[in-house]
């Protein structure tokens, strides 16, 4: 479930999204240590919003660089 007050993250860069996710994770750790359940729920919603936008950006980046076809994971007979 996305946070209701976060509407558009398209103006943020991929680096900004990554830094914000890192910061939110540390805040989530603090919320767990202090057992603040309402803050934990709010942070989960915010993190989910940022992760969804991060995933969209990464998918676009992979498509742009066509990385799907460049990784060969098959085992060769030697």
C-alpha atoms as a PDB file:
ATOM      1  CA  UNK A   1       0.000   0.000   0.000  1.00  0.00           C
ATOM      2  CA  UNK A   2       1.425   3.330  -1.037  1.00  0.00           C
ATOM      3  CA  UNK A   3       1.482   6.306   1.256  1.00  0.00           C
ATOM      4  CA  UNK A   4      -1.499   8.584   0.535  1.00  0.00           C
ATOM      5  CA  UNK A   5       0.518  11.817   0.773  1.00  0.00           C
ATOM      6  CA  UNK A   6       3.198  10.774  -1.716  1.00  0.00           C
ATOM      7  CA  UNK A   7       1.781  11.267  -5.171  1.00  0.00           C
ATOM      8  CA  UNK A   8       4.544  11.855  -7.678  1.00  0.00           C
ATOM      9  CA  UNK A   9       8.166  10.837  -7.345  1.00  0.00           C
ATOM     10  CA  UNK A  10       9.019  11.225 -11.028  1.00  0.00           C
ATOM     11  CA  UNK A  11      10.894  14.467 -10.385  1.00  0.00           C
ATOM     12  CA  UNK A  12      13.481  12.700  -8.195  1.00  0.00           C
ATOM     13  CA  UNK A  13      16.640  11.220  -9.679  1.00  0.00           C
ATOM     14  CA  UNK A  14      17.592   7.577  -9.242  1.00  0.00           C
ATOM     15  CA  UNK A  15      20.360   8.604  -6.824  1.00  0.00           C
ATOM     16  CA  UNK A  16      17.896  10.643  -4.765  1.00  0.00           C
ATOM     17  CA  UNK A  17      15.534   7.685  -4.579  1.00  0.00           C
ATOM     18  CA  UNK A  18      18.349   5.407  -3.439  1.00  0.00           C
ATOM     19  CA  UNK A  19      19.575   7.852  -0.791  1.00  0.00           C
ATOM     20  CA  UNK A  20      16.042   8.407   0.487  1.00  0.00           C
ATOM     21  CA  UNK A  21      15.422   4.658   0.701  1.00  0.00           C
ATOM     22  CA  UNK A  22      18.610   4.234   2.717  1.00  0.00           C
ATOM     23  CA  UNK A  23      17.563   7.028   5.055  1.00  0.00           C
ATOM     24  CA  UNK A  24      14.067   5.572   5.431  1.00  0.00           C
ATOM     25  CA  UNK A  25      15.515   2.157   6.289  1.00  0.00           C
ATOM     26  CA  UNK A  26      17.564   3.655   9.116  1.00  0.00           C
ATOM     27  CA  UNK A  27      14.457   5.451  10.384  1.00  0.00           C
ATOM     28  CA  UNK A  28      12.566   2.173  10.223  1.00  0.00           C
ATOM     29  CA  UNK A  29      15.273   0.502  12.311  1.00  0.00           C
ATOM     30  CA  UNK A  30      14.935   3.277  14.881  1.00  0.00           C
ATOM     31  CA  UNK A  31      11.143   2.842  14.923  1.00  0.00           C
ATOM     32  CA  UNK A  32      11.576  -0.874  15.576  1.00  0.00           C
ATOM     33  CA  UNK A  33      14.038  -0.219  18.403  1.00  0.00           C
ATOM     34  CA  UNK A  34      11.618   2.208  20.052  1.00  0.00           C
ATOM     35  CA  UNK A  35       8.630  -0.069  19.301  1.00  0.00           C
ATOM     36  CA  UNK A  36       6.685   2.771  17.697  1.00  0.00           C
ATOM     37  CA  UNK A  37       4.135   0.727  15.739  1.00  0.00           C
ATOM     38  CA  UNK A  38       2.282   3.624  14.147  1.00  0.00           C
ATOM     39  CA  UNK A  39       5.571   5.047  12.831  1.00  0.00           C
ATOM     40  CA  UNK A  40       6.544   1.611  11.519  1.00  0.00           C
ATOM     41  CA  UNK A  41       3.312   1.380   9.517  1.00  0.00           C
ATOM     42  CA  UNK A  42       3.782   4.861   8.079  1.00  0.00           C
ATOM     43  CA  UNK A  43       7.390   4.185   7.153  1.00  0.00           C
ATOM     44  CA  UNK A  44       6.443   0.924   5.437  1.00  0.00           C
ATOM     45  CA  UNK A  45       3.975   2.808   3.241  1.00  0.00           C
ATOM     46  CA  UNK A  46       6.543   5.492   2.372  1.00  0.00           C
ATOM     47  CA  UNK A  47       9.224   2.878   1.658  1.00  0.00           C
ATOM     48  CA  UNK A  48       6.844   0.972  -0.590  1.00  0.00           C
ATOM     49  CA  UNK A  49       6.123   4.142  -2.571  1.00  0.00           C
ATOM     50  CA  UNK A  50       9.818   4.849  -3.067  1.00  0.00           C
ATOM     51  CA  UNK A  51      10.627   1.216  -3.890  1.00  0.00           C
ATOM     52  CA  UNK A  52       7.909   1.117  -6.545  1.00  0.00           C
ATOM     53  CA  UNK A  53       9.308   4.224  -8.232  1.00  0.00           C
ATOM     54  CA  UNK A  54      12.854   2.845  -7.910  1.00  0.00           C
ATOM     55  CA  UNK A  55      11.774  -0.393  -9.586  1.00  0.00           C
ATOM     56  CA  UNK A  56      10.163   1.509 -12.467  1.00  0.00           C
ATOM     57  CA  UNK A  57      13.352   3.504 -12.986  1.00  0.00           C
ATOM     58  CA  UNK A  58      15.572   0.421 -12.872  1.00  0.00           C
ATOM     59  CA  UNK A  59      13.329  -1.410 -15.355  1.00  0.00           C
ATOM     60  CA  UNK A  60      13.565   1.562 -17.715  1.00  0.00           C
ATOM     61  CA  UNK A  61      17.339   1.603 -17.324  1.00  0.00           C
ATOM     62  CA  UNK A  62      17.599  -2.117 -18.116  1.00  0.00           C
ATOM     63  CA  UNK A  63      15.415  -1.696 -21.191  1.00  0.00           C
ATOM     64  CA  UNK A  64      17.427   1.316 -22.326  1.00  0.00           C
ATOM     65  CA  UNK A  65      20.700  -0.590 -22.133  1.00  0.00           C
ATOM     66  CA  UNK A  66      19.130  -3.857 -23.341  1.00  0.00           C
ATOM     67  CA  UNK A  67      20.663  -5.840 -20.515  1.00  0.00           C
ATOM     68  CA  UNK A  68      18.167  -8.693 -20.744  1.00  0.00           C
ATOM     69  CA  UNK A  69      19.953 -10.271 -23.698  1.00  0.00           C
ATOM     70  CA  UNK A  70      23.549  -9.654 -22.651  1.00  0.00           C
ATOM     71  CA  UNK A  71      23.793 -11.907 -19.631  1.00  0.00           C
ATOM     72  CA  UNK A  72      24.465 -15.543 -20.394  1.00  0.00           C
ATOM     73  CA  UNK A  73      23.930 -17.839 -17.442  1.00  0.00           C
ATOM     74  CA  UNK A  74      24.026 -21.160 -19.271  1.00  0.00           C
ATOM     75  CA  UNK A  75      26.668 -23.672 -18.381  1.00  0.00           C
ATOM     76  CA  UNK A  76      29.167 -24.432 -21.118  1.00  0.00           C
ATOM     77  CA  UNK A  77      30.686 -27.847 -21.630  1.00  0.00           C
ATOM     78  CA  UNK A  78      34.429 -27.622 -21.148  1.00  0.00           C
END
